[in-house]
């Protein structure tokens, strides 16, 4: 990522979030859920730190709506 953005490439990461859905379906314990959520957020923050534009796509949002965020950025 760092190399690509350093060479002037624009990177957009559309990251689907399944953690909330998984918690509902598989009944993940709250502590495990919080750890997974924090780890995911740390990864997305790291990607943004490399210069990528990150869209956090929640499962209850249609793909077309998530992609609209790319145009707004």
PDB file of N, CA and C in Angstrom:
ATOM      1  N   UNK A   1       0.819  -1.176   0.000  1.00  0.00           N
ATOM      2  CA  UNK A   1       0.000   0.000   0.000  1.00  0.00           C
ATOM      3  C   UNK A   1       0.871   1.250   0.000  1.00  0.00           C
ATOM      4  N   UNK A   2       1.830   1.264   0.886  1.00  0.00           N
ATOM      5  CA  UNK A   2       2.688   2.440   0.994  1.00  0.00           C
ATOM      6  C   UNK A   2       3.437   2.687  -0.312  1.00  0.00           C
ATOM      7  N   UNK A   3       3.916   1.610  -0.923  1.00  0.00           N
ATOM      8  CA  UNK A   3       4.653   1.729  -2.169  1.00  0.00           C
ATOM      9  C   UNK A   3       3.748   2.255  -3.284  1.00  0.00           C
ATOM     10  N   UNK A   4       2.537   1.726  -3.360  1.00  0.00           N
ATOM     11  CA  UNK A   4       1.609   2.161  -4.406  1.00  0.00           C
ATOM     12  C   UNK A   4       1.202   3.622  -4.246  1.00  0.00           C
ATOM     13  N   UNK A   5       0.854   4.012  -3.033  1.00  0.00           N
ATOM     14  CA  UNK A   5       0.477   5.412  -2.823  1.00  0.00           C
ATOM     15  C   UNK A   5       1.688   6.326  -3.011  1.00  0.00           C
ATOM     16  N   UNK A   6       2.863   5.834  -2.653  1.00  0.00           N
ATOM     17  CA  UNK A   6       4.081   6.612  -2.857  1.00  0.00           C
ATOM     18  C   UNK A   6       4.376   6.853  -4.328  1.00  0.00           C
ATOM     19  N   UNK A   7       3.907   5.974  -5.166  1.00  0.00           N
ATOM     20  CA  UNK A   7       4.100   6.130  -6.616  1.00  0.00           C
ATOM     21  C   UNK A   7       2.953   6.907  -7.272  1.00  0.00           C
ATOM     22  N   UNK A   8       2.054   7.428  -6.425  1.00  0.00           N
ATOM     23  CA  UNK A   8       0.983   8.278  -6.945  1.00  0.00           C
ATOM     24  C   UNK A   8      -0.312   7.563  -7.286  1.00  0.00           C
ATOM     25  N   UNK A   9      -0.404   6.281  -6.959  1.00  0.00           N
ATOM     26  CA  UNK A   9      -1.631   5.545  -7.235  1.00  0.00           C
ATOM     27  C   UNK A   9      -2.674   5.844  -6.165  1.00  0.00           C
ATOM     28  N   UNK A  10      -3.905   5.964  -6.599  1.00  0.00           N
ATOM     29  CA  UNK A  10      -4.996   6.152  -5.650  1.00  0.00           C
ATOM     30  C   UNK A  10      -5.546   4.776  -5.276  1.00  0.00           C
ATOM     31  N   UNK A  11      -5.648   4.519  -3.992  1.00  0.00           N
ATOM     32  CA  UNK A  11      -6.144   3.226  -3.530  1.00  0.00           C
ATOM     33  C   UNK A  11      -7.413   3.453  -2.716  1.00  0.00           C
ATOM     34  N   UNK A  12      -8.442   2.697  -3.079  1.00  0.00           N
ATOM     35  CA  UNK A  12      -9.698   2.733  -2.346  1.00  0.00           C
ATOM     36  C   UNK A  12      -9.952   1.319  -1.835  1.00  0.00           C
ATOM     37  N   UNK A  13     -10.139   1.186  -0.532  1.00  0.00           N
ATOM     38  CA  UNK A  13     -10.400  -0.104   0.084  1.00  0.00           C
ATOM     39  C   UNK A  13     -11.860  -0.121   0.527  1.00  0.00           C
ATOM     40  N   UNK A  14     -12.634  -1.019  -0.051  1.00  0.00           N
ATOM     41  CA  UNK A  14     -14.019  -1.228   0.368  1.00  0.00           C
ATOM     42  C   UNK A  14     -14.006  -2.461   1.255  1.00  0.00           C
ATOM     43  N   UNK A  15     -14.150  -2.237   2.542  1.00  0.00           N
ATOM     44  CA  UNK A  15     -13.990  -3.318   3.510  1.00  0.00           C
ATOM     45  C   UNK A  15     -15.338  -3.744   4.081  1.00  0.00           C
ATOM     46  N   UNK A  16     -15.840  -4.905   3.649  1.00  0.00           N
ATOM     47  CA  UNK A  16     -17.105  -5.376   4.214  1.00  0.00           C
ATOM     48  C   UNK A  16     -16.930  -5.812   5.662  1.00  0.00           C
ATOM     49  N   UNK A  17     -17.859  -5.402   6.486  1.00  0.00           N
ATOM     50  CA  UNK A  17     -17.804  -5.758   7.900  1.00  0.00           C
ATOM     51  C   UNK A  17     -18.802  -6.871   8.175  1.00  0.00           C
ATOM     52  N   UNK A  18     -18.283  -8.005   8.599  1.00  0.00           N
ATOM     53  CA  UNK A  18     -19.169  -9.126   8.909  1.00  0.00           C
ATOM     54  C   UNK A  18     -19.225  -9.412  10.408  1.00  0.00           C
ATOM     55  N   UNK A  19     -18.492  -8.644  11.171  1.00  0.00           N
ATOM     56  CA  UNK A  19     -18.389  -8.931  12.603  1.00  0.00           C
ATOM     57  C   UNK A  19     -19.744  -8.839  13.304  1.00  0.00           C
ATOM     58  N   UNK A  20     -20.515  -7.791  13.016  1.00  0.00           N
ATOM     59  CA  UNK A  20     -21.826  -7.656  13.655  1.00  0.00           C
ATOM     60  C   UNK A  20     -22.765  -8.785  13.234  1.00  0.00           C
ATOM     61  N   UNK A  21     -22.710  -9.143  11.956  1.00  0.00           N
ATOM     62  CA  UNK A  21     -23.544 -10.235  11.464  1.00  0.00           C
ATOM     63  C   UNK A  21     -23.137 -11.552  12.114  1.00  0.00           C
ATOM     64  N   UNK A  22     -21.847 -11.798  12.169  1.00  0.00           N
ATOM     65  CA  UNK A  22     -21.355 -13.039  12.784  1.00  0.00           C
ATOM     66  C   UNK A  22     -21.773 -13.133  14.245  1.00  0.00           C
ATOM     67  N   UNK A  23     -21.760 -12.004  14.917  1.00  0.00           N
ATOM     68  CA  UNK A  23     -22.150 -12.010  16.337  1.00  0.00           C
ATOM     69  C   UNK A  23     -23.603 -12.442  16.493  1.00  0.00           C
ATOM     70  N   UNK A  24     -24.462 -11.972  15.599  1.00  0.00           N
ATOM     71  CA  UNK A  24     -25.874 -12.345  15.672  1.00  0.00           C
ATOM     72  C   UNK A  24     -26.093 -13.815  15.334  1.00  0.00           C
ATOM     73  N   UNK A  25     -25.385 -14.294  14.331  1.00  0.00           N
ATOM     74  CA  UNK A  25     -25.584 -15.659  13.849  1.00  0.00           C
ATOM     75  C   UNK A  25     -24.942 -16.695  14.761  1.00  0.00           C
ATOM     76  N   UNK A  26     -23.711 -16.443  15.185  1.00  0.00           N
ATOM     77  CA  UNK A  26     -22.996 -17.474  15.926  1.00  0.00           C
ATOM     78  C   UNK A  26     -22.895 -17.187  17.428  1.00  0.00           C
ATOM     79  N   UNK A  27     -23.482 -16.104  17.831  1.00  0.00           N
ATOM     80  CA  UNK A  27     -23.501 -15.757  19.254  1.00  0.00           C
ATOM     81  C   UNK A  27     -22.096 -15.668  19.851  1.00  0.00           C
ATOM     82  N   UNK A  28     -21.248 -14.908  19.196  1.00  0.00           N
ATOM     83  CA  UNK A  28     -19.893 -14.672  19.680  1.00  0.00           C
ATOM     84  C   UNK A  28     -19.979 -13.962  21.034  1.00  0.00           C
ATOM     85  N   UNK A  29     -19.214 -14.396  22.013  1.00  0.00           N
ATOM     86  CA  UNK A  29     -19.222 -13.712  23.316  1.00  0.00           C
ATOM     87  C   UNK A  29     -18.836 -12.237  23.167  1.00  0.00           C
ATOM     88  N   UNK A  30     -19.391 -11.415  24.002  1.00  0.00           N
ATOM     89  CA  UNK A  30     -19.200  -9.961  23.896  1.00  0.00           C
ATOM     90  C   UNK A  30     -17.726  -9.564  23.898  1.00  0.00           C
ATOM     91  N   UNK A  31     -16.925 -10.154  24.776  1.00  0.00           N
ATOM     92  CA  UNK A  31     -15.507  -9.794  24.847  1.00  0.00           C
ATOM     93  C   UNK A  31     -14.792 -10.136  23.539  1.00  0.00           C
ATOM     94  N   UNK A  32     -15.066 -11.305  22.986  1.00  0.00           N
ATOM     95  CA  UNK A  32     -14.465 -11.697  21.710  1.00  0.00           C
ATOM     96  C   UNK A  32     -14.896 -10.746  20.602  1.00  0.00           C
ATOM     97  N   UNK A  33     -16.163 -10.385  20.612  1.00  0.00           N
ATOM     98  CA  UNK A  33     -16.703  -9.446  19.629  1.00  0.00           C
ATOM     99  C   UNK A  33     -15.968  -8.111  19.712  1.00  0.00           C
ATOM    100  N   UNK A  34     -15.776  -7.585  20.910  1.00  0.00           N
ATOM    101  CA  UNK A  34     -15.109  -6.299  21.088  1.00  0.00           C
ATOM    102  C   UNK A  34     -13.657  -6.363  20.607  1.00  0.00           C
ATOM    103  N   UNK A  35     -12.970  -7.469  20.878  1.00  0.00           N
ATOM    104  CA  UNK A  35     -11.589  -7.636  20.432  1.00  0.00           C
ATOM    105  C   UNK A  35     -11.527  -7.681  18.910  1.00  0.00           C
ATOM    106  N   UNK A  36     -12.400  -8.462  18.290  1.00  0.00           N
ATOM    107  CA  UNK A  36     -12.427  -8.561  16.830  1.00  0.00           C
ATOM    108  C   UNK A  36     -12.738  -7.211  16.193  1.00  0.00           C
ATOM    109  N   UNK A  37     -13.668  -6.495  16.773  1.00  0.00           N
ATOM    110  CA  UNK A  37     -14.051  -5.189  16.247  1.00  0.00           C
ATOM    111  C   UNK A  37     -12.873  -4.209  16.336  1.00  0.00           C
ATOM    112  N   UNK A  38     -12.170  -4.230  17.449  1.00  0.00           N
ATOM    113  CA  UNK A  38     -11.020  -3.352  17.635  1.00  0.00           C
ATOM    114  C   UNK A  38      -9.881  -3.715  16.679  1.00  0.00           C
ATOM    115  N   UNK A  39      -9.620  -5.005  16.501  1.00  0.00           N
ATOM    116  CA  UNK A  39      -8.574  -5.445  15.573  1.00  0.00           C
ATOM    117  C   UNK A  39      -8.894  -4.997  14.150  1.00  0.00           C
ATOM    118  N   UNK A  40     -10.154  -5.126  13.764  1.00  0.00           N
ATOM    119  CA  UNK A  40     -10.573  -4.706  12.423  1.00  0.00           C
ATOM    120  C   UNK A  40     -10.378  -3.198  12.263  1.00  0.00           C
ATOM    121  N   UNK A  41     -10.786  -2.439  13.249  1.00  0.00           N
ATOM    122  CA  UNK A  41     -10.635  -0.990  13.179  1.00  0.00           C
ATOM    123  C   UNK A  41      -9.168  -0.589  13.090  1.00  0.00           C
ATOM    124  N   UNK A  42      -8.316  -1.287  13.820  1.00  0.00           N
ATOM    125  CA  UNK A  42      -6.876  -1.012  13.750  1.00  0.00           C
ATOM    126  C   UNK A  42      -6.325  -1.271  12.354  1.00  0.00           C
ATOM    127  N   UNK A  43      -6.790  -2.336  11.714  1.00  0.00           N
ATOM    128  CA  UNK A  43      -6.335  -2.633  10.346  1.00  0.00           C
ATOM    129  C   UNK A  43      -6.783  -1.547   9.375  1.00  0.00           C
ATOM    130  N   UNK A  44      -8.031  -1.116   9.502  1.00  0.00           N
ATOM    131  CA  UNK A  44      -8.538  -0.072   8.611  1.00  0.00           C
ATOM    132  C   UNK A  44      -7.796   1.242   8.838  1.00  0.00           C
ATOM    133  N   UNK A  45      -7.491   1.544  10.074  1.00  0.00           N
ATOM    134  CA  UNK A  45      -6.734   2.758  10.390  1.00  0.00           C
ATOM    135  C   UNK A  45      -5.331   2.680   9.801  1.00  0.00           C
ATOM    136  N   UNK A  46      -4.716   1.513   9.876  1.00  0.00           N
ATOM    137  CA  UNK A  46      -3.384   1.330   9.294  1.00  0.00           C
ATOM    138  C   UNK A  46      -3.420   1.535   7.784  1.00  0.00           C
ATOM    139  N   UNK A  47      -4.436   1.011   7.125  1.00  0.00           N
ATOM    140  CA  UNK A  47      -4.562   1.205   5.679  1.00  0.00           C
ATOM    141  C   UNK A  47      -4.719   2.684   5.337  1.00  0.00           C
ATOM    142  N   UNK A  48      -5.539   3.378   6.101  1.00  0.00           N
ATOM    143  CA  UNK A  48      -5.716   4.812   5.877  1.00  0.00           C
ATOM    144  C   UNK A  48      -4.400   5.554   6.126  1.00  0.00           C
ATOM    145  N   UNK A  49      -3.628   5.078   7.080  1.00  0.00           N
ATOM    146  CA  UNK A  49      -2.330   5.683   7.366  1.00  0.00           C
ATOM    147  C   UNK A  49      -1.344   5.545   6.222  1.00  0.00           C
ATOM    148  N   UNK A  50      -1.522   4.534   5.398  1.00  0.00           N
ATOM    149  CA  UNK A  50      -0.676   4.352   4.216  1.00  0.00           C
ATOM    150  C   UNK A  50      -1.132   5.219   3.053  1.00  0.00           C
ATOM    151  N   UNK A  51      -2.244   5.924   3.235  1.00  0.00           N
ATOM    152  CA  UNK A  51      -2.731   6.808   2.178  1.00  0.00           C
ATOM    153  C   UNK A  51      -3.927   6.270   1.410  1.00  0.00           C
ATOM    154  N   UNK A  52      -4.426   5.113   1.789  1.00  0.00           N
ATOM    155  CA  UNK A  52      -5.594   4.555   1.109  1.00  0.00           C
ATOM    156  C   UNK A  52      -6.867   5.212   1.642  1.00  0.00           C
ATOM    157  N   UNK A  53      -7.845   5.344   0.767  1.00  0.00           N
ATOM    158  CA  UNK A  53      -9.161   5.792   1.215  1.00  0.00           C
ATOM    159  C   UNK A  53      -9.929   4.538   1.612  1.00  0.00           C
ATOM    160  N   UNK A  54     -10.443   4.513   2.818  1.00  0.00           N
ATOM    161  CA  UNK A  54     -11.076   3.319   3.360  1.00  0.00           C
ATOM    162  C   UNK A  54     -12.568   3.562   3.556  1.00  0.00           C
ATOM    163  N   UNK A  55     -13.362   2.640   3.015  1.00  0.00           N
ATOM    164  CA  UNK A  55     -14.810   2.675   3.212  1.00  0.00           C
ATOM    165  C   UNK A  55     -15.177   1.463   4.054  1.00  0.00           C
ATOM    166  N   UNK A  56     -15.724   1.723   5.208  1.00  0.00           N
ATOM    167  CA  UNK A  56     -16.142   0.676   6.129  1.00  0.00           C
ATOM    168  C   UNK A  56     -17.579   0.299   5.758  1.00  0.00           C
ATOM    169  N   UNK A  57     -17.735  -0.818   5.042  1.00  0.00           N
ATOM    170  CA  UNK A  57     -19.030  -1.230   4.501  1.00  0.00           C
ATOM    171  C   UNK A  57     -19.742  -2.135   5.502  1.00  0.00           C
ATOM    172  N   UNK A  58     -20.799  -1.617   6.066  1.00  0.00           N
ATOM    173  CA  UNK A  58     -21.592  -2.392   7.022  1.00  0.00           C
ATOM    174  C   UNK A  58     -22.560  -3.309   6.272  1.00  0.00           C
ATOM    175  N   UNK A  59     -22.850  -4.494   6.805  1.00  0.00           N
ATOM    176  CA  UNK A  59     -23.664  -5.481   6.076  1.00  0.00           C
ATOM    177  C   UNK A  59     -25.107  -5.051   5.826  1.00  0.00           C
ATOM    178  N   UNK A  60     -25.612  -4.087   6.567  1.00  0.00           N
ATOM    179  CA  UNK A  60     -26.993  -3.665   6.346  1.00  0.00           C
ATOM    180  C   UNK A  60     -27.113  -2.544   5.312  1.00  0.00           C
ATOM    181  N   UNK A  61     -25.985  -2.158   4.700  1.00  0.00           N
ATOM    182  CA  UNK A  61     -25.973  -1.121   3.674  1.00  0.00           C
ATOM    183  C   UNK A  61     -25.770  -1.795   2.320  1.00  0.00           C
ATOM    184  N   UNK A  62     -26.583  -1.407   1.346  1.00  0.00           N
ATOM    185  CA  UNK A  62     -26.445  -1.977   0.010  1.00  0.00           C
ATOM    186  C   UNK A  62     -25.119  -1.549  -0.606  1.00  0.00           C
ATOM    187  N   UNK A  63     -24.574  -2.409  -1.446  1.00  0.00           N
ATOM    188  CA  UNK A  63     -23.297  -2.135  -2.084  1.00  0.00           C
ATOM    189  C   UNK A  63     -23.341  -0.812  -2.853  1.00  0.00           C
ATOM    190  N   UNK A  64     -24.414  -0.551  -3.562  1.00  0.00           N
ATOM    191  CA  UNK A  64     -24.513   0.688  -4.346  1.00  0.00           C
ATOM    192  C   UNK A  64     -24.393   1.917  -3.449  1.00  0.00           C
ATOM    193  N   UNK A  65     -24.947   1.839  -2.247  1.00  0.00           N
ATOM    194  CA  UNK A  65     -24.852   2.957  -1.316  1.00  0.00           C
ATOM    195  C   UNK A  65     -23.415   3.119  -0.804  1.00  0.00           C
ATOM    196  N   UNK A  66     -22.759   2.009  -0.546  1.00  0.00           N
ATOM    197  CA  UNK A  66     -21.371   2.061  -0.076  1.00  0.00           C
ATOM    198  C   UNK A  66     -20.472   2.654  -1.157  1.00  0.00           C
ATOM    199  N   UNK A  67     -20.725   2.279  -2.399  1.00  0.00           N
ATOM    200  CA  UNK A  67     -19.914   2.782  -3.505  1.00  0.00           C
ATOM    201  C   UNK A  67     -20.122   4.276  -3.750  1.00  0.00           C
ATOM    202  N   UNK A  68     -21.281   4.779  -3.378  1.00  0.00           N
ATOM    203  CA  UNK A  68     -21.528   6.213  -3.496  1.00  0.00           C
ATOM    204  C   UNK A  68     -20.540   7.024  -2.654  1.00  0.00           C
ATOM    205  N   UNK A  69     -20.074   6.425  -1.587  1.00  0.00           N
ATOM    206  CA  UNK A  69     -19.102   7.111  -0.721  1.00  0.00           C
ATOM    207  C   UNK A  69     -17.806   7.382  -1.466  1.00  0.00           C
ATOM    208  N   UNK A  70     -17.472   6.531  -2.444  1.00  0.00           N
ATOM    209  CA  UNK A  70     -16.257   6.728  -3.230  1.00  0.00           C
ATOM    210  C   UNK A  70     -16.378   8.029  -3.993  1.00  0.00           C
ATOM    211  N   UNK A  71     -17.532   8.292  -4.578  1.00  0.00           N
ATOM    212  CA  UNK A  71     -17.733   9.515  -5.356  1.00  0.00           C
ATOM    213  C   UNK A  71     -17.683  10.750  -4.470  1.00  0.00           C
ATOM    214  N   UNK A  72     -18.108  10.606  -3.210  1.00  0.00           N
ATOM    215  CA  UNK A  72     -18.149  11.743  -2.307  1.00  0.00           C
ATOM    216  C   UNK A  72     -16.774  12.089  -1.733  1.00  0.00           C
ATOM    217  N   UNK A  73     -15.853  11.160  -1.790  1.00  0.00           N
ATOM    218  CA  UNK A  73     -14.534  11.366  -1.174  1.00  0.00           C
ATOM    219  C   UNK A  73     -13.672  12.277  -2.022  1.00  0.00           C
TER     220      UNK A  73
END
